[in-house]
Amino acid sequence: MTMEEHFEKTDDSIPLFDGGDTGCGELLLDLLLFMKKQPGESIVEVRALDPGAPLEIPAWCRLTKHELIESEHPIYKIKKTSSQGNQNE
């Protein structure tokens, strides 16, 4: 999947990163690149079907300092910390 294939908008205008059944290694790398493009303090909804996601996504959030707001497999809501910046800043 390309970065554009992962991206959609949810009905309430929250960006959706759809990882589908992508394995967690590739999914987390793509998610990192996606999050870098988001403004600070933004909330992103992530869809990840990989069975390892319930463990991997919370760990990834701790490592990247993003806040895991909601975790109900396969949907996760992540708030980007302002300290992470973005490409446009």
PDB file of N, CA and C in Angstrom:
ATOM      1  N   MET A   1       0.823  -1.189   0.000  1.00  0.00           N
ATOM      2  CA  MET A   1       0.000   0.000   0.000  1.00  0.00           C
ATOM      3  C   MET A   1       0.864   1.248   0.000  1.00  0.00           C
ATOM      4  N   THR A   2       0.455   2.220  -0.755  1.00  0.00           N
ATOM      5  CA  THR A   2       1.167   3.490  -0.728  1.00  0.00           C
ATOM      6  C   THR A   2       0.600   4.347   0.399  1.00  0.00           C
ATOM      7  N   MET A   3       1.291   5.433   0.725  1.00  0.00           N
ATOM      8  CA  MET A   3       0.833   6.331   1.783  1.00  0.00           C
ATOM      9  C   MET A   3      -0.569   6.861   1.461  1.00  0.00           C
ATOM     10  N   GLU A   4      -0.823   7.180   0.203  1.00  0.00           N
ATOM     11  CA  GLU A   4      -2.120   7.703  -0.188  1.00  0.00           C
ATOM     12  C   GLU A   4      -3.217   6.661  -0.003  1.00  0.00           C
ATOM     13  N   GLU A   5      -2.892   5.387  -0.189  1.00  0.00           N
ATOM     14  CA  GLU A   5      -3.883   4.333  -0.022  1.00  0.00           C
ATOM     15  C   GLU A   5      -4.278   4.164   1.443  1.00  0.00           C
ATOM     16  N   HIS A   6      -3.405   4.543   2.366  1.00  0.00           N
ATOM     17  CA  HIS A   6      -3.686   4.424   3.791  1.00  0.00           C
ATOM     18  C   HIS A   6      -4.586   5.545   4.290  1.00  0.00           C
ATOM     19  N   PHE A   7      -4.636   6.653   3.585  1.00  0.00           N
ATOM     20  CA  PHE A   7      -5.269   7.859   4.113  1.00  0.00           C
ATOM     21  C   PHE A   7      -6.706   8.031   3.644  1.00  0.00           C
ATOM     22  N   GLU A   8      -7.564   8.367   4.586  1.00  0.00           N
ATOM     23  CA  GLU A   8      -8.956   8.746   4.318  1.00  0.00           C
ATOM     24  C   GLU A   8      -9.336   9.758   5.384  1.00  0.00           C
ATOM     25  N   LYS A   9     -10.537  10.278   5.304  1.00  0.00           N
ATOM     26  CA  LYS A   9     -11.090  11.124   6.368  1.00  0.00           C
ATOM     27  C   LYS A   9     -12.318  10.410   6.918  1.00  0.00           C
ATOM     28  N   THR A  10     -12.464  10.417   8.231  1.00  0.00           N
ATOM     29  CA  THR A  10     -13.661   9.848   8.827  1.00  0.00           C
ATOM     30  C   THR A  10     -14.783  10.868   8.696  1.00  0.00           C
ATOM     31  N   ASP A  11     -15.990  10.475   9.020  1.00  0.00           N
ATOM     32  CA  ASP A  11     -17.140  11.364   8.903  1.00  0.00           C
ATOM     33  C   ASP A  11     -16.986  12.642   9.714  1.00  0.00           C
ATOM     34  N   ASP A  12     -16.293  12.570  10.850  1.00  0.00           N
ATOM     35  CA  ASP A  12     -16.142  13.759  11.690  1.00  0.00           C
ATOM     36  C   ASP A  12     -14.821  14.485  11.421  1.00  0.00           C
ATOM     37  N   SER A  13     -14.285  14.326  10.234  1.00  0.00           N
ATOM     38  CA  SER A  13     -13.080  15.013   9.755  1.00  0.00           C
ATOM     39  C   SER A  13     -11.800  14.659  10.500  1.00  0.00           C
ATOM     40  N   ILE A  14     -11.796  13.549  11.206  1.00  0.00           N
ATOM     41  CA  ILE A  14     -10.566  13.060  11.819  1.00  0.00           C
ATOM     42  C   ILE A  14      -9.843  12.245  10.749  1.00  0.00           C
ATOM     43  N   PRO A  15      -8.565  12.530  10.488  1.00  0.00           N
ATOM     44  CA  PRO A  15      -7.839  11.727   9.499  1.00  0.00           C
ATOM     45  C   PRO A  15      -7.826  10.252   9.903  1.00  0.00           C
ATOM     46  N   LEU A  16      -8.014   9.373   8.934  1.00  0.00           N
ATOM     47  CA  LEU A  16      -7.997   7.934   9.166  1.00  0.00           C
ATOM     48  C   LEU A  16      -6.787   7.341   8.473  1.00  0.00           C
ATOM     49  N   PHE A  17      -5.967   6.649   9.242  1.00  0.00           N
ATOM     50  CA  PHE A  17      -4.857   5.880   8.683  1.00  0.00           C
ATOM     51  C   PHE A  17      -5.313   4.431   8.665  1.00  0.00           C
ATOM     52  N   ASP A  18      -5.567   3.892   7.481  1.00  0.00           N
ATOM     53  CA  ASP A  18      -6.072   2.529   7.347  1.00  0.00           C
ATOM     54  C   ASP A  18      -4.916   1.592   7.028  1.00  0.00           C
ATOM     55  N   GLY A  19      -4.461   0.893   8.048  1.00  0.00           N
ATOM     56  CA  GLY A  19      -3.374  -0.064   7.870  1.00  0.00           C
ATOM     57  C   GLY A  19      -3.857  -1.403   7.352  1.00  0.00           C
ATOM     58  N   GLY A  20      -5.177  -1.610   7.374  1.00  0.00           N
ATOM     59  CA  GLY A  20      -5.733  -2.869   6.885  1.00  0.00           C
ATOM     60  C   GLY A  20      -5.072  -4.051   7.556  1.00  0.00           C
ATOM     61  N   ASP A  21      -4.726  -5.062   6.765  1.00  0.00           N
ATOM     62  CA  ASP A  21      -4.089  -6.258   7.323  1.00  0.00           C
ATOM     63  C   ASP A  21      -2.567  -6.234   7.183  1.00  0.00           C
ATOM     64  N   THR A  22      -2.014  -5.041   6.963  1.00  0.00           N
ATOM     65  CA  THR A  22      -0.564  -4.881   6.877  1.00  0.00           C
ATOM     66  C   THR A  22       0.071  -5.331   8.186  1.00  0.00           C
ATOM     67  N   GLY A  23       1.200  -6.028   8.102  1.00  0.00           N
ATOM     68  CA  GLY A  23       1.918  -6.465   9.298  1.00  0.00           C
ATOM     69  C   GLY A  23       2.409  -5.270  10.095  1.00  0.00           C
ATOM     70  N   CYS A  24       2.548  -5.451  11.395  1.00  0.00           N
ATOM     71  CA  CYS A  24       2.860  -4.322  12.272  1.00  0.00           C
ATOM     72  C   CYS A  24       4.174  -3.617  11.938  1.00  0.00           C
ATOM     73  N   GLY A  25       5.191  -4.323  11.507  1.00  0.00           N
ATOM     74  CA  GLY A  25       6.458  -3.670  11.173  1.00  0.00           C
ATOM     75  C   GLY A  25       6.284  -2.599  10.109  1.00  0.00           C
ATOM     76  N   GLU A  26       5.694  -2.977   8.993  1.00  0.00           N
ATOM     77  CA  GLU A  26       5.450  -2.036   7.895  1.00  0.00           C
ATOM     78  C   GLU A  26       4.412  -0.988   8.297  1.00  0.00           C
ATOM     79  N   LEU A  27       3.373  -1.424   9.010  1.00  0.00           N
ATOM     80  CA  LEU A  27       2.310  -0.512   9.426  1.00  0.00           C
ATOM     81  C   LEU A  27       2.858   0.603  10.305  1.00  0.00           C
ATOM     82  N   LEU A  28       3.695   0.280  11.273  1.00  0.00           N
ATOM     83  CA  LEU A  28       4.219   1.290  12.194  1.00  0.00           C
ATOM     84  C   LEU A  28       5.164   2.258  11.493  1.00  0.00           C
ATOM     85  N   LEU A  29       5.927   1.784  10.530  1.00  0.00           N
ATOM     86  CA  LEU A  29       6.789   2.677   9.758  1.00  0.00           C
ATOM     87  C   LEU A  29       5.945   3.631   8.918  1.00  0.00           C
ATOM     88  N   ASP A  30       4.919   3.107   8.250  1.00  0.00           N
ATOM     89  CA  ASP A  30       4.024   3.956   7.464  1.00  0.00           C
ATOM     90  C   ASP A  30       3.274   4.940   8.354  1.00  0.00           C
ATOM     91  N   LEU A  31       2.859   4.488   9.545  1.00  0.00           N
ATOM     92  CA  LEU A  31       2.162   5.362  10.479  1.00  0.00           C
ATOM     93  C   LEU A  31       3.076   6.488  10.960  1.00  0.00           C
ATOM     94  N   LEU A  32       4.331   6.181  11.192  1.00  0.00           N
ATOM     95  CA  LEU A  32       5.297   7.203  11.603  1.00  0.00           C
ATOM     96  C   LEU A  32       5.395   8.300  10.541  1.00  0.00           C
ATOM     97  N   LEU A  33       5.514   7.908   9.285  1.00  0.00           N
ATOM     98  CA  LEU A  33       5.602   8.880   8.190  1.00  0.00           C
ATOM     99  C   LEU A  33       4.310   9.679   8.062  1.00  0.00           C
ATOM    100  N   PHE A  34       3.182   9.018   8.242  1.00  0.00           N
ATOM    101  CA  PHE A  34       1.882   9.683   8.179  1.00  0.00           C
ATOM    102  C   PHE A  34       1.748  10.713   9.300  1.00  0.00           C
ATOM    103  N   MET A  35       2.130  10.330  10.521  1.00  0.00           N
ATOM    104  CA  MET A  35       2.004  11.228  11.673  1.00  0.00           C
ATOM    105  C   MET A  35       2.905  12.450  11.534  1.00  0.00           C
ATOM    106  N   LYS A  36       4.049  12.300  10.899  1.00  0.00           N
ATOM    107  CA  LYS A  36       4.954  13.441  10.699  1.00  0.00           C
ATOM    108  C   LYS A  36       4.299  14.532   9.861  1.00  0.00           C
ATOM    109  N   LYS A  37       3.355  14.152   9.007  1.00  0.00           N
ATOM    110  CA  LYS A  37       2.678  15.123   8.139  1.00  0.00           C
ATOM    111  C   LYS A  37       1.497  15.809   8.823  1.00  0.00           C
ATOM    112  N   GLN A  38       1.109  15.319   9.993  1.00  0.00           N
ATOM    113  CA  GLN A  38      -0.048  15.870  10.697  1.00  0.00           C
ATOM    114  C   GLN A  38       0.377  17.038  11.582  1.00  0.00           C
ATOM    115  N   PRO A  39      -0.496  18.032  11.744  1.00  0.00           N
ATOM    116  CA  PRO A  39      -0.170  19.149  12.637  1.00  0.00           C
ATOM    117  C   PRO A  39      -0.104  18.680  14.092  1.00  0.00           C
ATOM    118  N   GLY A  40       0.649  19.405  14.915  1.00  0.00           N
ATOM    119  CA  GLY A  40       0.749  19.088  16.336  1.00  0.00           C
ATOM    120  C   GLY A  40      -0.616  19.103  16.992  1.00  0.00           C
ATOM    121  N   GLU A  41      -0.801  18.238  17.959  1.00  0.00           N
ATOM    122  CA  GLU A  41      -2.042  18.125  18.732  1.00  0.00           C
ATOM    123  C   GLU A  41      -3.211  17.536  17.931  1.00  0.00           C
ATOM    124  N   SER A  42      -2.971  17.090  16.700  1.00  0.00           N
ATOM    125  CA  SER A  42      -4.069  16.509  15.924  1.00  0.00           C
ATOM    126  C   SER A  42      -4.349  15.082  16.400  1.00  0.00           C
ATOM    127  N   ILE A  43      -5.568  14.642  16.148  1.00  0.00           N
ATOM    128  CA  ILE A  43      -5.982  13.288  16.498  1.00  0.00           C
ATOM    129  C   ILE A  43      -6.172  12.516  15.206  1.00  0.00           C
ATOM    130  N   VAL A  44      -5.638  11.305  15.186  1.00  0.00           N
ATOM    131  CA  VAL A  44      -5.712  10.437  14.017  1.00  0.00           C
ATOM    132  C   VAL A  44      -6.373   9.126  14.437  1.00  0.00           C
ATOM    133  N   GLU A  45      -7.280   8.643  13.599  1.00  0.00           N
ATOM    134  CA  GLU A  45      -7.870   7.335  13.838  1.00  0.00           C
ATOM    135  C   GLU A  45      -7.084   6.324  13.013  1.00  0.00           C
ATOM    136  N   VAL A  46      -6.722   5.231  13.632  1.00  0.00           N
ATOM    137  CA  VAL A  46      -5.926   4.187  12.979  1.00  0.00           C
ATOM    138  C   VAL A  46      -6.738   2.904  12.960  1.00  0.00           C
ATOM    139  N   ARG A  47      -6.785   2.270  11.806  1.00  0.00           N
ATOM    140  CA  ARG A  47      -7.417   0.954  11.658  1.00  0.00           C
ATOM    141  C   ARG A  47      -6.314  -0.036  11.348  1.00  0.00           C
ATOM    142  N   ALA A  48      -6.146  -1.030  12.236  1.00  0.00           N
ATOM    143  CA  ALA A  48      -5.087  -2.017  12.071  1.00  0.00           C
ATOM    144  C   ALA A  48      -5.632  -3.398  12.411  1.00  0.00           C
ATOM    145  N   LEU A  49      -5.704  -4.273  11.419  1.00  0.00           N
ATOM    146  CA  LEU A  49      -6.269  -5.605  11.610  1.00  0.00           C
ATOM    147  C   LEU A  49      -5.256  -6.629  12.098  1.00  0.00           C
ATOM    148  N   ASP A  50      -3.977  -6.317  12.032  1.00  0.00           N
ATOM    149  CA  ASP A  50      -2.939  -7.261  12.444  1.00  0.00           C
ATOM    150  C   ASP A  50      -3.187  -7.704  13.887  1.00  0.00           C
ATOM    151  N   PRO A  51      -3.096  -9.017  14.170  1.00  0.00           N
ATOM    152  CA  PRO A  51      -3.357  -9.495  15.530  1.00  0.00           C
ATOM    153  C   PRO A  51      -2.368  -8.960  16.574  1.00  0.00           C
ATOM    154  N   GLY A  52      -1.214  -8.488  16.140  1.00  0.00           N
ATOM    155  CA  GLY A  52      -0.236  -7.925  17.065  1.00  0.00           C
ATOM    156  C   GLY A  52      -0.487  -6.474  17.412  1.00  0.00           C
ATOM    157  N   ALA A  53      -1.415  -5.823  16.714  1.00  0.00           N
ATOM    158  CA  ALA A  53      -1.671  -4.391  16.909  1.00  0.00           C
ATOM    159  C   ALA A  53      -2.035  -4.012  18.351  1.00  0.00           C
ATOM    160  N   PRO A  54      -2.837  -4.805  19.074  1.00  0.00           N
ATOM    161  CA  PRO A  54      -3.169  -4.411  20.445  1.00  0.00           C
ATOM    162  C   PRO A  54      -1.953  -4.263  21.367  1.00  0.00           C
ATOM    163  N   LEU A  55      -0.861  -4.916  21.039  1.00  0.00           N
ATOM    164  CA  LEU A  55       0.381  -4.759  21.806  1.00  0.00           C
ATOM    165  C   LEU A  55       1.317  -3.748  21.167  1.00  0.00           C
ATOM    166  N   GLU A  56       1.416  -3.804  19.848  1.00  0.00           N
ATOM    167  CA  GLU A  56       2.395  -2.988  19.135  1.00  0.00           C
ATOM    168  C   GLU A  56       2.041  -1.498  19.085  1.00  0.00           C
ATOM    169  N   ILE A  57       0.786  -1.156  18.871  1.00  0.00           N
ATOM    170  CA  ILE A  57       0.415   0.257  18.748  1.00  0.00           C
ATOM    171  C   ILE A  57       0.595   1.009  20.071  1.00  0.00           C
ATOM    172  N   PRO A  58       0.149   0.465  21.219  1.00  0.00           N
ATOM    173  CA  PRO A  58       0.430   1.172  22.477  1.00  0.00           C
ATOM    174  C   PRO A  58       1.933   1.336  22.744  1.00  0.00           C
ATOM    175  N   ALA A  59       2.718   0.304  22.432  1.00  0.00           N
ATOM    176  CA  ALA A  59       4.169   0.404  22.621  1.00  0.00           C
ATOM    177  C   ALA A  59       4.761   1.464  21.699  1.00  0.00           C
ATOM    178  N   TRP A  60       4.303   1.520  20.457  1.00  0.00           N
ATOM    179  CA  TRP A  60       4.768   2.520  19.497  1.00  0.00           C
ATOM    180  C   TRP A  60       4.443   3.923  19.992  1.00  0.00           C
ATOM    181  N   CYS A  61       3.242   4.106  20.548  1.00  0.00           N
ATOM    182  CA  CYS A  61       2.855   5.416  21.078  1.00  0.00           C
ATOM    183  C   CYS A  61       3.775   5.836  22.223  1.00  0.00           C
ATOM    184  N   ARG A  62       4.110   4.912  23.097  1.00  0.00           N
ATOM    185  CA  ARG A  62       5.035   5.241  24.192  1.00  0.00           C
ATOM    186  C   ARG A  62       6.403   5.648  23.649  1.00  0.00           C
ATOM    187  N   LEU A  63       6.886   4.923  22.655  1.00  0.00           N
ATOM    188  CA  LEU A  63       8.206   5.219  22.080  1.00  0.00           C
ATOM    189  C   LEU A  63       8.241   6.549  21.342  1.00  0.00           C
ATOM    190  N   THR A  64       7.156   6.888  20.662  1.00  0.00           N
ATOM    191  CA  THR A  64       7.122   8.114  19.862  1.00  0.00           C
ATOM    192  C   THR A  64       6.573   9.303  20.644  1.00  0.00           C
ATOM    193  N   LYS A  65       6.133   9.055  21.878  1.00  0.00           N
ATOM    194  CA  LYS A  65       5.585  10.102  22.762  1.00  0.00           C
ATOM    195  C   LYS A  65       4.223  10.623  22.299  1.00  0.00           C
ATOM    196  N   HIS A  66       3.537   9.862  21.431  1.00  0.00           N
ATOM    197  CA  HIS A  66       2.169  10.214  21.060  1.00  0.00           C
ATOM    198  C   HIS A  66       1.239   9.620  22.112  1.00  0.00           C
ATOM    199  N   GLU A  67       0.054  10.209  22.258  1.00  0.00           N
ATOM    200  CA  GLU A  67      -0.884   9.757  23.273  1.00  0.00           C
ATOM    201  C   GLU A  67      -1.940   8.835  22.655  1.00  0.00           C
ATOM    202  N   LEU A  68      -2.031   7.635  23.192  1.00  0.00           N
ATOM    203  CA  LEU A  68      -3.063   6.701  22.757  1.00  0.00           C
ATOM    204  C   LEU A  68      -4.342   7.059  23.513  1.00  0.00           C
ATOM    205  N   ILE A  69      -5.311   7.612  22.803  1.00  0.00           N
ATOM    206  CA  ILE A  69      -6.544   8.093  23.421  1.00  0.00           C
ATOM    207  C   ILE A  69      -7.570   6.976  23.560  1.00  0.00           C
ATOM    208  N   GLU A  70      -7.646   6.139  22.548  1.00  0.00           N
ATOM    209  CA  GLU A  70      -8.648   5.073  22.524  1.00  0.00           C
ATOM    210  C   GLU A  70      -8.048   3.848  21.865  1.00  0.00           C
ATOM    211  N   SER A  71      -8.342   2.694  22.443  1.00  0.00           N
ATOM    212  CA  SER A  71      -7.806   1.452  21.911  1.00  0.00           C
ATOM    213  C   SER A  71      -8.874   0.373  21.995  1.00  0.00           C
ATOM    214  N   GLU A  72      -9.530   0.139  20.872  1.00  0.00           N
ATOM    215  CA  GLU A  72     -10.529  -0.919  20.790  1.00  0.00           C
ATOM    216  C   GLU A  72     -10.318  -1.625  19.456  1.00  0.00           C
ATOM    217  N   HIS A  73      -9.456  -2.639  19.482  1.00  0.00           N
ATOM    218  CA  HIS A  73      -9.032  -3.331  18.264  1.00  0.00           C
ATOM    219  C   HIS A  73     -10.232  -3.616  17.364  1.00  0.00           C
ATOM    220  N   PRO A  74     -10.170  -3.249  16.110  1.00  0.00           N
ATOM    221  CA  PRO A  74      -9.038  -2.799  15.297  1.00  0.00           C
ATOM    222  C   PRO A  74      -8.921  -1.285  15.151  1.00  0.00           C
ATOM    223  N   ILE A  75      -9.631  -0.502  15.969  1.00  0.00           N
ATOM    224  CA  ILE A  75      -9.597   0.957  15.841  1.00  0.00           C
ATOM    225  C   ILE A  75      -8.846   1.573  17.021  1.00  0.00           C
ATOM    226  N   TYR A  76      -7.954   2.498  16.709  1.00  0.00           N
ATOM    227  CA  TYR A  76      -7.147   3.194  17.712  1.00  0.00           C
ATOM    228  C   TYR A  76      -7.202   4.686  17.405  1.00  0.00           C
ATOM    229  N   LYS A  77      -7.273   5.507  18.438  1.00  0.00           N
ATOM    230  CA  LYS A  77      -7.195   6.958  18.244  1.00  0.00           C
ATOM    231  C   LYS A  77      -5.930   7.436  18.932  1.00  0.00           C
ATOM    232  N   ILE A  78      -5.123   8.182  18.169  1.00  0.00           N
ATOM    233  CA  ILE A  78      -3.824   8.651  18.640  1.00  0.00           C
ATOM    234  C   ILE A  78      -3.760  10.163  18.517  1.00  0.00           C
ATOM    235  N   LYS A  79      -3.322  10.806  19.583  1.00  0.00           N
ATOM    236  CA  LYS A  79      -3.126  12.257  19.555  1.00  0.00           C
ATOM    237  C   LYS A  79      -1.634  12.532  19.384  1.00  0.00           C
ATOM    238  N   LYS A  80      -1.326  13.301  18.368  1.00  0.00           N
ATOM    239  CA  LYS A  80       0.061  13.665  18.113  1.00  0.00           C
ATOM    240  C   LYS A  80       0.492  14.707  19.137  1.00  0.00           C
ATOM    241  N   THR A  81       1.629  14.493  19.743  1.00  0.00           N
ATOM    242  CA  THR A  81       2.136  15.467  20.706  1.00  0.00           C
ATOM    243  C   THR A  81       2.712  16.655  19.957  1.00  0.00           C
ATOM    244  N   SER A  82       2.554  17.820  20.518  1.00  0.00           N
ATOM    245  CA  SER A  82       3.030  19.037  19.844  1.00  0.00           C
ATOM    246  C   SER A  82       4.549  19.042  19.701  1.00  0.00           C
ATOM    247  N   SER A  83       5.253  18.332  20.568  1.00  0.00           N
ATOM    248  CA  SER A  83       6.722  18.315  20.500  1.00  0.00           C
ATOM    249  C   SER A  83       7.250  17.566  19.284  1.00  0.00           C
ATOM    250  N   GLN A  84       6.385  16.803  18.608  1.00  0.00           N
ATOM    251  CA  GLN A  84       6.817  16.029  17.459  1.00  0.00           C
ATOM    252  C   GLN A  84       6.894  16.856  16.181  1.00  0.00           C
ATOM    253  N   GLY A  85       6.220  18.020  16.148  1.00  0.00           N
ATOM    254  CA  GLY A  85       6.284  18.882  14.968  1.00  0.00           C
ATOM    255  C   GLY A  85       5.713  18.208  13.732  1.00  0.00           C
ATOM    256  N   ASN A  86       5.876  18.881  12.579  1.00  0.00           N
ATOM    257  CA  ASN A  86       5.502  18.270  11.310  1.00  0.00           C
ATOM    258  C   ASN A  86       6.351  18.885  10.205  1.00  0.00           C
ATOM    259  N   GLN A  87       6.217  18.361   9.024  1.00  0.00           N
ATOM    260  CA  GLN A  87       7.029  18.810   7.895  1.00  0.00           C
ATOM    261  C   GLN A  87       6.785  20.270   7.554  1.00  0.00           C
ATOM    262  N   ASN A  88       5.596  20.763   7.838  1.00  0.00           N
ATOM    263  CA  ASN A  88       5.228  22.108   7.421  1.00  0.00           C
ATOM    264  C   ASN A  88       5.585  23.183   8.444  1.00  0.00           C
ATOM    265  N   GLU A  89       6.089  22.789   9.587  1.00  0.00           N
ATOM    266  CA  GLU A  89       6.424  23.775  10.624  1.00  0.00           C
ATOM    267  C   GLU A  89       7.847  24.261  10.484  1.00  0.00           C
TER     268      GLU A  89
END
